[in-house]
Amino acid sequence: MLEMRTRKRILKGRFTIAAKHHITIAEIYETELVDIEKAIAHYEQSADYYKGEESNSSANKCLLKVATYAAQLEQYQKAIEIYEQVGASTMDNPLLKYSAKEYFFKAALCHFIVDELNAKLALEKYEEMFPAFTDSRECKLLKKLLEAHEEQNCDAYTEAVKEFDSISRLDQWLTTMLLRIKKSIQGDGDGDLK
């Protein structure tokens, strides 16, 4: 019996080690070799190993990397599924629930790029699932962006983004996604949010 428990611990520890090795490989692909597809594959493998160890926090970190890159590569459905999954798993955790709004925000942006109606429906779903999302700056921004998009009002869109950016600086990923949405409003190549 003791020998069996020891074997399980050894095997369990090896999955964690394997997961860490896959992260290292993924980081090499993303920074040195700039092969994002292979980086994604290794982050996914690492997430699987962490899930097997029931190390959900570590698995989620890997999955969020996958979602970030998937959206950049215009694999929006994959990104949406991950952001929704991680958002749902964090919203009930007292320590992580504030991160849920960020994940739902990113999922909604991915929906928005694909289809405005999908974004509206997703926004309603997220507000229902996680009522705290309704009062967040991210949700309010999404509503303003949807309204501007519906009215084809590029100036209102830009103003909403500027207002958000003045309080919470936009990172490169958000800027890229917001520009993709803006291009669907204006249809021109200027793409200047600022």
N, C-alpha and C. Protein backbone atom coordinates (compact mmCIF):
# COMPACT_ATOMS: atom_id res chain seq x y z
N MET A 1 0.83 -1.20 0.00
CA MET A 1 0.00 0.00 0.00
C MET A 1 0.87 1.25 0.00
N LEU A 2 1.85 1.27 0.88
CA LEU A 2 2.75 2.43 0.96
C LEU A 2 3.52 2.59 -0.34
N GLU A 3 3.94 1.46 -0.91
CA GLU A 3 4.68 1.50 -2.18
C GLU A 3 3.80 2.08 -3.30
N MET A 4 2.53 1.73 -3.30
CA MET A 4 1.61 2.23 -4.32
C MET A 4 1.45 3.75 -4.19
N ARG A 5 1.31 4.25 -2.94
CA ARG A 5 1.17 5.69 -2.73
C ARG A 5 2.43 6.42 -3.17
N THR A 6 3.58 5.84 -2.90
CA THR A 6 4.85 6.45 -3.30
C THR A 6 4.93 6.53 -4.81
N ARG A 7 4.55 5.48 -5.50
CA ARG A 7 4.55 5.48 -6.97
C ARG A 7 3.64 6.57 -7.51
N LYS A 8 2.44 6.69 -6.92
CA LYS A 8 1.50 7.72 -7.37
C LYS A 8 2.10 9.11 -7.20
N ARG A 9 2.77 9.33 -6.05
CA ARG A 9 3.39 10.64 -5.83
C ARG A 9 4.48 10.92 -6.85
N ILE A 10 5.27 9.90 -7.14
CA ILE A 10 6.35 10.06 -8.12
C ILE A 10 5.76 10.38 -9.49
N LEU A 11 4.75 9.61 -9.89
CA LEU A 11 4.11 9.88 -11.18
C LEU A 11 3.48 11.26 -11.19
N LYS A 12 2.84 11.62 -10.10
CA LYS A 12 2.20 12.92 -10.01
C LYS A 12 3.24 14.03 -10.16
N GLY A 13 4.34 13.91 -9.48
CA GLY A 13 5.40 14.90 -9.57
C GLY A 13 5.98 15.00 -10.97
N ARG A 14 6.01 13.92 -11.67
CA ARG A 14 6.57 13.92 -13.03
C ARG A 14 5.69 14.69 -14.01
N PHE A 15 4.39 14.67 -13.80
CA PHE A 15 3.51 15.46 -14.67
C PHE A 15 3.78 16.94 -14.48
N THR A 16 4.04 17.34 -13.25
CA THR A 16 4.35 18.75 -12.98
C THR A 16 5.66 19.12 -13.65
N ILE A 17 6.63 18.25 -13.55
CA ILE A 17 7.93 18.50 -14.19
C ILE A 17 7.75 18.58 -15.70
N ALA A 18 6.98 17.65 -16.25
CA ALA A 18 6.73 17.66 -17.70
C ALA A 18 6.02 18.95 -18.11
N ALA A 19 5.06 19.39 -17.30
CA ALA A 19 4.34 20.63 -17.60
C ALA A 19 5.31 21.81 -17.63
N LYS A 20 6.21 21.85 -16.67
CA LYS A 20 7.19 22.95 -16.62
C LYS A 20 8.12 22.91 -17.83
N HIS A 21 8.48 21.72 -18.26
CA HIS A 21 9.34 21.61 -19.46
C HIS A 21 8.61 22.11 -20.70
N HIS A 22 7.32 21.79 -20.80
CA HIS A 22 6.54 22.27 -21.95
C HIS A 22 6.42 23.80 -21.94
N ILE A 23 6.32 24.38 -20.76
CA ILE A 23 6.29 25.84 -20.67
C ILE A 23 7.61 26.43 -21.16
N THR A 24 8.70 25.83 -20.74
CA THR A 24 10.01 26.30 -21.18
C THR A 24 10.14 26.22 -22.70
N ILE A 25 9.70 25.12 -23.26
CA ILE A 25 9.75 24.94 -24.72
C ILE A 25 8.86 25.99 -25.40
N ALA A 26 7.65 26.19 -24.84
CA ALA A 26 6.72 27.18 -25.41
C ALA A 26 7.35 28.57 -25.39
N GLU A 27 8.02 28.91 -24.29
CA GLU A 27 8.65 30.23 -24.19
C GLU A 27 9.77 30.41 -25.22
N ILE A 28 10.49 29.34 -25.49
CA ILE A 28 11.54 29.39 -26.52
C ILE A 28 10.90 29.63 -27.89
N TYR A 29 9.79 28.92 -28.16
CA TYR A 29 9.10 29.11 -29.43
C TYR A 29 8.53 30.52 -29.56
N GLU A 30 8.03 31.08 -28.47
CA GLU A 30 7.40 32.39 -28.59
C GLU A 30 8.41 33.53 -28.64
N THR A 31 9.55 33.38 -27.98
CA THR A 31 10.51 34.50 -27.94
C THR A 31 11.67 34.36 -28.91
N GLU A 32 12.27 33.19 -28.96
CA GLU A 32 13.48 33.03 -29.77
C GLU A 32 13.19 32.56 -31.19
N LEU A 33 12.28 31.60 -31.33
CA LEU A 33 12.02 31.04 -32.65
C LEU A 33 10.81 31.68 -33.33
N VAL A 34 10.04 32.42 -32.57
CA VAL A 34 8.83 33.11 -33.04
C VAL A 34 7.96 32.19 -33.91
N ASP A 35 7.62 31.06 -33.33
CA ASP A 35 6.70 30.12 -33.95
C ASP A 35 5.53 29.97 -32.98
N ILE A 36 4.55 30.83 -33.13
CA ILE A 36 3.45 30.92 -32.17
C ILE A 36 2.59 29.66 -32.17
N GLU A 37 2.40 29.05 -33.33
CA GLU A 37 1.61 27.82 -33.40
C GLU A 37 2.22 26.73 -32.51
N LYS A 38 3.54 26.59 -32.57
CA LYS A 38 4.20 25.57 -31.74
C LYS A 38 4.19 25.97 -30.27
N ALA A 39 4.30 27.26 -30.00
CA ALA A 39 4.21 27.73 -28.61
C ALA A 39 2.83 27.38 -28.04
N ILE A 40 1.79 27.61 -28.85
CA ILE A 40 0.42 27.29 -28.42
C ILE A 40 0.31 25.80 -28.07
N ALA A 41 0.85 24.95 -28.95
CA ALA A 41 0.76 23.50 -28.73
C ALA A 41 1.42 23.10 -27.41
N HIS A 42 2.55 23.70 -27.10
CA HIS A 42 3.25 23.36 -25.85
C HIS A 42 2.54 23.94 -24.63
N TYR A 43 1.95 25.12 -24.74
CA TYR A 43 1.16 25.65 -23.62
C TYR A 43 -0.07 24.77 -23.37
N GLU A 44 -0.69 24.28 -24.46
CA GLU A 44 -1.85 23.40 -24.30
C GLU A 44 -1.44 22.09 -23.63
N GLN A 45 -0.30 21.55 -24.03
CA GLN A 45 0.17 20.30 -23.42
C GLN A 45 0.46 20.51 -21.93
N SER A 46 1.08 21.63 -21.63
CA SER A 46 1.37 21.96 -20.24
C SER A 46 0.09 22.09 -19.43
N ALA A 47 -0.91 22.75 -19.99
CA ALA A 47 -2.20 22.91 -19.31
C ALA A 47 -2.83 21.54 -19.03
N ASP A 48 -2.74 20.63 -20.00
CA ASP A 48 -3.29 19.28 -19.80
C ASP A 48 -2.61 18.58 -18.64
N TYR A 49 -1.29 18.67 -18.59
CA TYR A 49 -0.56 18.04 -17.48
C TYR A 49 -0.95 18.66 -16.14
N TYR A 50 -1.06 19.98 -16.11
CA TYR A 50 -1.45 20.63 -14.86
C TYR A 50 -2.87 20.24 -14.44
N LYS A 51 -3.77 20.12 -15.42
CA LYS A 51 -5.13 19.70 -15.09
C LYS A 51 -5.12 18.29 -14.49
N GLY A 52 -4.26 17.44 -15.05
CA GLY A 52 -4.13 16.08 -14.52
C GLY A 52 -3.65 16.07 -13.08
N GLU A 53 -2.92 17.07 -12.72
CA GLU A 53 -2.43 17.23 -11.35
C GLU A 53 -3.40 18.01 -10.48
N GLU A 54 -4.51 18.44 -11.08
CA GLU A 54 -5.50 19.28 -10.42
C GLU A 54 -4.90 20.60 -9.96
N SER A 55 -3.94 21.07 -10.71
CA SER A 55 -3.32 22.37 -10.47
C SER A 55 -3.97 23.37 -11.43
N ASN A 56 -5.21 23.73 -11.10
CA ASN A 56 -6.02 24.54 -12.01
C ASN A 56 -5.46 25.93 -12.25
N SER A 57 -4.86 26.51 -11.24
CA SER A 57 -4.30 27.85 -11.39
C SER A 57 -3.18 27.84 -12.44
N SER A 58 -2.30 26.87 -12.36
CA SER A 58 -1.21 26.76 -13.34
C SER A 58 -1.75 26.42 -14.72
N ALA A 59 -2.76 25.55 -14.76
CA ALA A 59 -3.38 25.20 -16.05
C ALA A 59 -4.01 26.44 -16.68
N ASN A 60 -4.69 27.24 -15.87
CA ASN A 60 -5.33 28.45 -16.39
C ASN A 60 -4.32 29.45 -16.93
N LYS A 61 -3.18 29.58 -16.28
CA LYS A 61 -2.13 30.49 -16.78
C LYS A 61 -1.70 30.08 -18.18
N CYS A 62 -1.52 28.78 -18.38
CA CYS A 62 -1.13 28.29 -19.70
C CYS A 62 -2.25 28.50 -20.72
N LEU A 63 -3.47 28.22 -20.31
CA LEU A 63 -4.61 28.39 -21.22
C LEU A 63 -4.80 29.85 -21.62
N LEU A 64 -4.54 30.76 -20.70
CA LEU A 64 -4.67 32.18 -21.03
C LEU A 64 -3.64 32.60 -22.07
N LYS A 65 -2.45 32.02 -22.01
CA LYS A 65 -1.45 32.28 -23.05
C LYS A 65 -1.97 31.78 -24.39
N VAL A 66 -2.57 30.59 -24.38
CA VAL A 66 -3.13 30.02 -25.61
C VAL A 66 -4.21 30.95 -26.16
N ALA A 67 -5.10 31.43 -25.30
CA ALA A 67 -6.19 32.31 -25.74
C ALA A 67 -5.65 33.60 -26.33
N THR A 68 -4.65 34.16 -25.69
CA THR A 68 -4.06 35.41 -26.18
C THR A 68 -3.52 35.23 -27.60
N TYR A 69 -2.76 34.17 -27.80
CA TYR A 69 -2.18 33.92 -29.12
C TYR A 69 -3.24 33.50 -30.13
N ALA A 70 -4.22 32.72 -29.69
CA ALA A 70 -5.27 32.29 -30.62
C ALA A 70 -6.01 33.51 -31.18
N ALA A 71 -6.32 34.47 -30.32
CA ALA A 71 -7.01 35.68 -30.79
C ALA A 71 -6.13 36.46 -31.76
N GLN A 72 -4.84 36.56 -31.45
CA GLN A 72 -3.93 37.27 -32.35
C GLN A 72 -3.89 36.60 -33.72
N LEU A 73 -4.01 35.28 -33.73
CA LEU A 73 -3.98 34.52 -34.98
C LEU A 73 -5.38 34.40 -35.61
N GLU A 74 -6.32 35.17 -35.08
CA GLU A 74 -7.70 35.21 -35.57
C GLU A 74 -8.44 33.89 -35.39
N GLN A 75 -8.02 33.11 -34.39
CA GLN A 75 -8.73 31.89 -34.01
C GLN A 75 -9.66 32.26 -32.85
N TYR A 76 -10.64 33.09 -33.17
CA TYR A 76 -11.46 33.71 -32.13
C TYR A 76 -12.28 32.72 -31.33
N GLN A 77 -12.84 31.71 -31.97
CA GLN A 77 -13.68 30.75 -31.25
C GLN A 77 -12.87 30.03 -30.18
N LYS A 78 -11.67 29.66 -30.50
CA LYS A 78 -10.79 29.00 -29.52
C LYS A 78 -10.52 29.94 -28.35
N ALA A 79 -10.20 31.19 -28.65
CA ALA A 79 -9.93 32.18 -27.61
C ALA A 79 -11.15 32.38 -26.73
N ILE A 80 -12.32 32.51 -27.35
CA ILE A 80 -13.57 32.72 -26.60
C ILE A 80 -13.81 31.58 -25.63
N GLU A 81 -13.68 30.35 -26.11
CA GLU A 81 -13.93 29.19 -25.26
C GLU A 81 -13.02 29.18 -24.04
N ILE A 82 -11.75 29.52 -24.25
CA ILE A 82 -10.80 29.54 -23.13
C ILE A 82 -11.13 30.67 -22.17
N TYR A 83 -11.34 31.88 -22.68
CA TYR A 83 -11.65 33.00 -21.79
C TYR A 83 -12.92 32.73 -20.98
N GLU A 84 -13.94 32.16 -21.63
CA GLU A 84 -15.17 31.85 -20.91
C GLU A 84 -14.95 30.78 -19.85
N GLN A 85 -14.19 29.76 -20.20
CA GLN A 85 -13.90 28.66 -19.26
C GLN A 85 -13.14 29.19 -18.05
N VAL A 86 -12.09 29.96 -18.28
CA VAL A 86 -11.29 30.48 -17.18
C VAL A 86 -12.10 31.51 -16.37
N GLY A 87 -12.87 32.35 -17.06
CA GLY A 87 -13.72 33.31 -16.36
C GLY A 87 -14.72 32.63 -15.44
N ALA A 88 -15.37 31.58 -15.95
CA ALA A 88 -16.34 30.84 -15.15
C ALA A 88 -15.68 30.17 -13.95
N SER A 89 -14.47 29.67 -14.13
CA SER A 89 -13.80 28.98 -13.03
C SER A 89 -13.27 29.95 -11.97
N THR A 90 -13.05 31.21 -12.33
CA THR A 90 -12.51 32.16 -11.36
C THR A 90 -13.58 33.01 -10.68
N MET A 91 -14.77 33.11 -11.26
CA MET A 91 -15.77 34.04 -10.73
C MET A 91 -16.29 33.65 -9.34
N ASP A 92 -16.20 32.38 -8.98
CA ASP A 92 -16.68 31.95 -7.67
C ASP A 92 -15.57 31.88 -6.62
N ASN A 93 -14.36 32.14 -7.04
CA ASN A 93 -13.22 32.11 -6.12
C ASN A 93 -13.02 33.52 -5.55
N PRO A 94 -13.13 33.66 -4.23
CA PRO A 94 -13.02 35.00 -3.63
C PRO A 94 -11.71 35.73 -3.97
N LEU A 95 -10.65 34.99 -4.17
CA LEU A 95 -9.36 35.61 -4.48
C LEU A 95 -9.20 35.95 -5.95
N LEU A 96 -9.91 35.24 -6.81
CA LEU A 96 -9.72 35.39 -8.25
C LEU A 96 -10.90 36.04 -8.97
N LYS A 97 -12.00 36.28 -8.26
CA LYS A 97 -13.22 36.72 -8.95
C LYS A 97 -13.06 38.04 -9.69
N TYR A 98 -12.13 38.89 -9.26
CA TYR A 98 -11.96 40.18 -9.95
C TYR A 98 -11.29 39.99 -11.31
N SER A 99 -10.61 38.88 -11.49
CA SER A 99 -10.01 38.59 -12.79
C SER A 99 -11.06 38.13 -13.79
N ALA A 100 -12.17 37.60 -13.31
CA ALA A 100 -13.21 37.08 -14.20
C ALA A 100 -13.69 38.17 -15.16
N LYS A 101 -13.83 39.40 -14.67
CA LYS A 101 -14.32 40.48 -15.55
C LYS A 101 -13.38 40.69 -16.73
N GLU A 102 -12.08 40.56 -16.49
CA GLU A 102 -11.10 40.71 -17.58
C GLU A 102 -11.28 39.61 -18.63
N TYR A 103 -11.50 38.38 -18.17
CA TYR A 103 -11.63 37.26 -19.11
C TYR A 103 -12.94 37.37 -19.90
N PHE A 104 -14.01 37.78 -19.24
CA PHE A 104 -15.27 37.97 -19.96
C PHE A 104 -15.16 39.14 -20.94
N PHE A 105 -14.45 40.17 -20.55
CA PHE A 105 -14.21 41.32 -21.43
C PHE A 105 -13.47 40.88 -22.69
N LYS A 106 -12.42 40.11 -22.51
CA LYS A 106 -11.64 39.64 -23.66
C LYS A 106 -12.46 38.70 -24.55
N ALA A 107 -13.26 37.84 -23.93
CA ALA A 107 -14.12 36.94 -24.71
C ALA A 107 -15.12 37.77 -25.52
N ALA A 108 -15.69 38.79 -24.90
CA ALA A 108 -16.67 39.63 -25.60
C ALA A 108 -16.02 40.37 -26.76
N LEU A 109 -14.79 40.84 -26.58
CA LEU A 109 -14.09 41.51 -27.69
C LEU A 109 -13.89 40.55 -28.85
N CYS A 110 -13.53 39.31 -28.55
CA CYS A 110 -13.36 38.32 -29.62
C CYS A 110 -14.69 38.07 -30.33
N HIS A 111 -15.78 37.97 -29.55
CA HIS A 111 -17.11 37.84 -30.16
C HIS A 111 -17.40 39.03 -31.07
N PHE A 112 -17.07 40.22 -30.59
CA PHE A 112 -17.35 41.48 -31.29
C PHE A 112 -16.65 41.51 -32.64
N ILE A 113 -15.43 41.03 -32.68
CA ILE A 113 -14.69 41.03 -33.95
C ILE A 113 -15.39 40.14 -34.97
N VAL A 114 -15.93 39.03 -34.49
CA VAL A 114 -16.60 38.09 -35.38
C VAL A 114 -17.97 38.61 -35.79
N ASP A 115 -18.75 39.09 -34.80
CA ASP A 115 -20.13 39.49 -35.09
C ASP A 115 -20.68 40.33 -33.94
N GLU A 116 -21.25 41.48 -34.28
CA GLU A 116 -21.80 42.39 -33.27
C GLU A 116 -22.91 41.74 -32.45
N LEU A 117 -23.80 41.01 -33.11
CA LEU A 117 -24.90 40.36 -32.39
C LEU A 117 -24.38 39.34 -31.39
N ASN A 118 -23.38 38.55 -31.79
CA ASN A 118 -22.77 37.60 -30.87
C ASN A 118 -22.23 38.31 -29.64
N ALA A 119 -21.62 39.47 -29.85
CA ALA A 119 -21.06 40.24 -28.74
C ALA A 119 -22.16 40.68 -27.78
N LYS A 120 -23.28 41.15 -28.32
CA LYS A 120 -24.41 41.56 -27.47
C LYS A 120 -24.93 40.39 -26.65
N LEU A 121 -25.12 39.26 -27.31
CA LEU A 121 -25.63 38.07 -26.62
C LEU A 121 -24.64 37.59 -25.56
N ALA A 122 -23.36 37.62 -25.88
CA ALA A 122 -22.33 37.20 -24.93
C ALA A 122 -22.32 38.14 -23.72
N LEU A 123 -22.42 39.42 -23.98
CA LEU A 123 -22.43 40.41 -22.90
C LEU A 123 -23.59 40.14 -21.94
N GLU A 124 -24.77 39.88 -22.49
CA GLU A 124 -25.93 39.56 -21.66
C GLU A 124 -25.67 38.30 -20.83
N LYS A 125 -25.09 37.31 -21.47
CA LYS A 125 -24.79 36.05 -20.78
C LYS A 125 -23.80 36.27 -19.64
N TYR A 126 -22.76 37.05 -19.88
CA TYR A 126 -21.75 37.29 -18.85
C TYR A 126 -22.33 38.07 -17.68
N GLU A 127 -23.19 39.04 -17.99
CA GLU A 127 -23.83 39.82 -16.91
C GLU A 127 -24.74 38.93 -16.06
N GLU A 128 -25.40 37.99 -16.71
CA GLU A 128 -26.28 37.07 -15.99
C GLU A 128 -25.45 36.10 -15.13
N MET A 129 -24.38 35.58 -15.70
CA MET A 129 -23.52 34.64 -14.99
C MET A 129 -22.80 35.29 -13.82
N PHE A 130 -22.35 36.52 -14.04
CA PHE A 130 -21.47 37.20 -13.09
C PHE A 130 -21.96 38.64 -12.92
N PRO A 131 -22.97 38.85 -12.07
CA PRO A 131 -23.58 40.17 -11.93
C PRO A 131 -22.58 41.31 -11.63
N ALA A 132 -21.48 41.01 -10.99
CA ALA A 132 -20.47 42.05 -10.70
C ALA A 132 -19.88 42.62 -11.99
N PHE A 133 -19.98 41.87 -13.07
CA PHE A 133 -19.44 42.33 -14.36
C PHE A 133 -20.19 43.57 -14.85
N THR A 134 -21.47 43.65 -14.55
CA THR A 134 -22.32 44.74 -15.03
C THR A 134 -21.78 46.12 -14.63
N ASP A 135 -21.27 46.24 -13.42
CA ASP A 135 -20.77 47.53 -12.93
C ASP A 135 -19.31 47.79 -13.27
N SER A 136 -18.68 46.87 -13.95
CA SER A 136 -17.25 47.03 -14.26
C SER A 136 -17.04 48.03 -15.38
N ARG A 137 -15.90 48.65 -15.38
CA ARG A 137 -15.54 49.58 -16.46
C ARG A 137 -15.49 48.85 -17.80
N GLU A 138 -15.06 47.60 -17.78
CA GLU A 138 -14.96 46.81 -19.00
C GLU A 138 -16.33 46.61 -19.64
N CYS A 139 -17.32 46.29 -18.82
CA CYS A 139 -18.68 46.08 -19.34
C CYS A 139 -19.24 47.39 -19.89
N LYS A 140 -19.02 48.48 -19.16
CA LYS A 140 -19.52 49.79 -19.61
C LYS A 140 -18.87 50.18 -20.94
N LEU A 141 -17.57 49.89 -21.08
CA LEU A 141 -16.87 50.16 -22.34
C LEU A 141 -17.50 49.35 -23.46
N LEU A 142 -17.72 48.07 -23.22
CA LEU A 142 -18.32 47.22 -24.25
C LEU A 142 -19.66 47.76 -24.72
N LYS A 143 -20.47 48.22 -23.78
CA LYS A 143 -21.78 48.76 -24.14
C LYS A 143 -21.64 50.02 -25.00
N LYS A 144 -20.68 50.88 -24.65
CA LYS A 144 -20.45 52.08 -25.45
C LYS A 144 -19.95 51.72 -26.84
N LEU A 145 -19.06 50.73 -26.91
CA LEU A 145 -18.52 50.31 -28.20
C LEU A 145 -19.61 49.69 -29.08
N LEU A 146 -20.46 48.89 -28.46
CA LEU A 146 -21.56 48.30 -29.22
C LEU A 146 -22.50 49.37 -29.76
N GLU A 147 -22.79 50.36 -28.94
CA GLU A 147 -23.65 51.46 -29.37
C GLU A 147 -23.02 52.23 -30.52
N ALA A 148 -21.73 52.53 -30.37
CA ALA A 148 -21.02 53.27 -31.43
C ALA A 148 -20.99 52.45 -32.72
N HIS A 149 -20.77 51.16 -32.59
CA HIS A 149 -20.73 50.28 -33.75
C HIS A 149 -22.08 50.24 -34.44
N GLU A 150 -23.13 50.12 -33.65
CA GLU A 150 -24.48 50.07 -34.19
C GLU A 150 -24.81 51.34 -34.97
N GLU A 151 -24.35 52.48 -34.45
CA GLU A 151 -24.59 53.77 -35.10
C GLU A 151 -23.54 54.09 -36.17
N GLN A 152 -22.57 53.19 -36.32
CA GLN A 152 -21.44 53.42 -37.24
C GLN A 152 -20.78 54.77 -36.92
N ASN A 153 -20.63 55.06 -35.63
CA ASN A 153 -20.07 56.32 -35.16
C ASN A 153 -18.64 56.09 -34.69
N CYS A 154 -17.71 56.31 -35.59
CA CYS A 154 -16.29 56.08 -35.31
C CYS A 154 -15.77 57.02 -34.22
N ASP A 155 -16.25 58.26 -34.21
CA ASP A 155 -15.79 59.22 -33.20
C ASP A 155 -16.21 58.79 -31.79
N ALA A 156 -17.43 58.32 -31.64
CA ALA A 156 -17.90 57.85 -30.33
C ALA A 156 -17.11 56.62 -29.89
N TYR A 157 -16.80 55.76 -30.83
CA TYR A 157 -15.99 54.57 -30.55
C TYR A 157 -14.62 55.00 -30.01
N THR A 158 -13.97 55.88 -30.75
CA THR A 158 -12.64 56.35 -30.37
C THR A 158 -12.67 57.05 -29.01
N GLU A 159 -13.68 57.85 -28.78
CA GLU A 159 -13.80 58.58 -27.51
C GLU A 159 -13.97 57.62 -26.34
N ALA A 160 -14.77 56.58 -26.52
CA ALA A 160 -14.97 55.58 -25.46
C ALA A 160 -13.66 54.87 -25.13
N VAL A 161 -12.90 54.54 -26.16
CA VAL A 161 -11.62 53.87 -25.95
C VAL A 161 -10.64 54.81 -25.24
N LYS A 162 -10.59 56.06 -25.66
CA LYS A 162 -9.69 57.05 -25.04
C LYS A 162 -10.02 57.22 -23.57
N GLU A 163 -11.31 57.32 -23.27
CA GLU A 163 -11.75 57.50 -21.88
C GLU A 163 -11.30 56.30 -21.03
N PHE A 164 -11.48 55.09 -21.54
CA PHE A 164 -11.07 53.88 -20.83
C PHE A 164 -9.55 53.87 -20.64
N ASP A 165 -8.83 54.20 -21.71
CA ASP A 165 -7.37 54.19 -21.70
C ASP A 165 -6.79 55.22 -20.74
N SER A 166 -7.50 56.31 -20.50
CA SER A 166 -6.98 57.34 -19.60
C SER A 166 -6.93 56.86 -18.15
N ILE A 167 -7.73 55.85 -17.82
CA ILE A 167 -7.73 55.30 -16.46
C ILE A 167 -6.97 53.98 -16.40
N SER A 168 -7.23 53.12 -17.34
CA SER A 168 -6.56 51.81 -17.42
C SER A 168 -5.85 51.72 -18.76
N ARG A 169 -4.54 51.80 -18.74
CA ARG A 169 -3.77 51.77 -19.99
C ARG A 169 -4.04 50.49 -20.76
N LEU A 170 -4.28 50.64 -22.04
CA LEU A 170 -4.50 49.49 -22.91
C LEU A 170 -3.17 48.82 -23.23
N ASP A 171 -3.16 47.51 -23.13
CA ASP A 171 -1.96 46.79 -23.54
C ASP A 171 -2.02 46.53 -25.05
N GLN A 172 -0.98 45.94 -25.57
CA GLN A 172 -0.88 45.71 -27.02
C GLN A 172 -2.00 44.81 -27.53
N TRP A 173 -2.33 43.77 -26.77
CA TRP A 173 -3.37 42.84 -27.19
C TRP A 173 -4.71 43.56 -27.32
N LEU A 174 -5.08 44.31 -26.28
CA LEU A 174 -6.35 45.03 -26.31
C LEU A 174 -6.39 46.04 -27.45
N THR A 175 -5.28 46.75 -27.64
CA THR A 175 -5.21 47.74 -28.72
C THR A 175 -5.44 47.07 -30.07
N THR A 176 -4.81 45.93 -30.27
CA THR A 176 -4.96 45.19 -31.53
C THR A 176 -6.42 44.78 -31.75
N MET A 177 -7.04 44.22 -30.72
CA MET A 177 -8.43 43.77 -30.85
C MET A 177 -9.37 44.96 -31.09
N LEU A 178 -9.16 46.04 -30.36
CA LEU A 178 -10.02 47.22 -30.52
C LEU A 178 -9.86 47.84 -31.91
N LEU A 179 -8.65 47.81 -32.45
CA LEU A 179 -8.44 48.32 -33.81
C LEU A 179 -9.15 47.45 -34.84
N ARG A 180 -9.15 46.14 -34.62
CA ARG A 180 -9.84 45.24 -35.55
C ARG A 180 -11.34 45.54 -35.56
N ILE A 181 -11.89 45.80 -34.39
CA ILE A 181 -13.32 46.15 -34.32
C ILE A 181 -13.56 47.49 -34.99
N LYS A 182 -12.69 48.46 -34.72
CA LYS A 182 -12.87 49.81 -35.28
C LYS A 182 -12.85 49.78 -36.80
N LYS A 183 -11.99 48.96 -37.37
CA LYS A 183 -11.92 48.86 -38.83
C LYS A 183 -13.23 48.37 -39.42
N SER A 184 -13.97 47.58 -38.66
CA SER A 184 -15.26 47.11 -39.16
C SER A 184 -16.29 48.23 -39.16
N ILE A 185 -16.07 49.27 -38.35
CA ILE A 185 -16.97 50.42 -38.34
C ILE A 185 -16.65 51.33 -39.52
N GLN A 186 -15.38 51.71 -39.61
CA GLN A 186 -15.02 52.74 -40.58
C GLN A 186 -14.66 52.21 -41.95
N GLY A 187 -14.16 50.98 -42.00
CA GLY A 187 -13.80 50.40 -43.28
C GLY A 187 -12.63 51.08 -43.96
N ASP A 188 -11.92 51.96 -43.23
CA ASP A 188 -10.74 52.55 -43.87
C ASP A 188 -9.48 52.05 -43.18
N GLY A 189 -8.36 52.40 -43.69
CA GLY A 189 -7.09 51.87 -43.21
C GLY A 189 -6.38 52.72 -42.20
N ASP A 190 -7.02 53.82 -41.71
CA ASP A 190 -6.25 54.69 -40.82
C ASP A 190 -6.05 54.05 -39.45
N GLY A 191 -7.05 53.36 -38.91
CA GLY A 191 -6.90 52.55 -37.70
C GLY A 191 -6.21 53.24 -36.55
N ASP A 192 -6.52 54.50 -36.29
CA ASP A 192 -5.87 55.21 -35.19
C ASP A 192 -6.85 55.38 -34.05
N LEU A 193 -6.54 54.72 -32.92
CA LEU A 193 -7.42 54.81 -31.76
C LEU A 193 -7.14 56.04 -30.92
N LYS A 194 -5.98 56.63 -31.09
CA LYS A 194 -5.60 57.71 -30.17
C LYS A 194 -5.73 59.07 -30.79
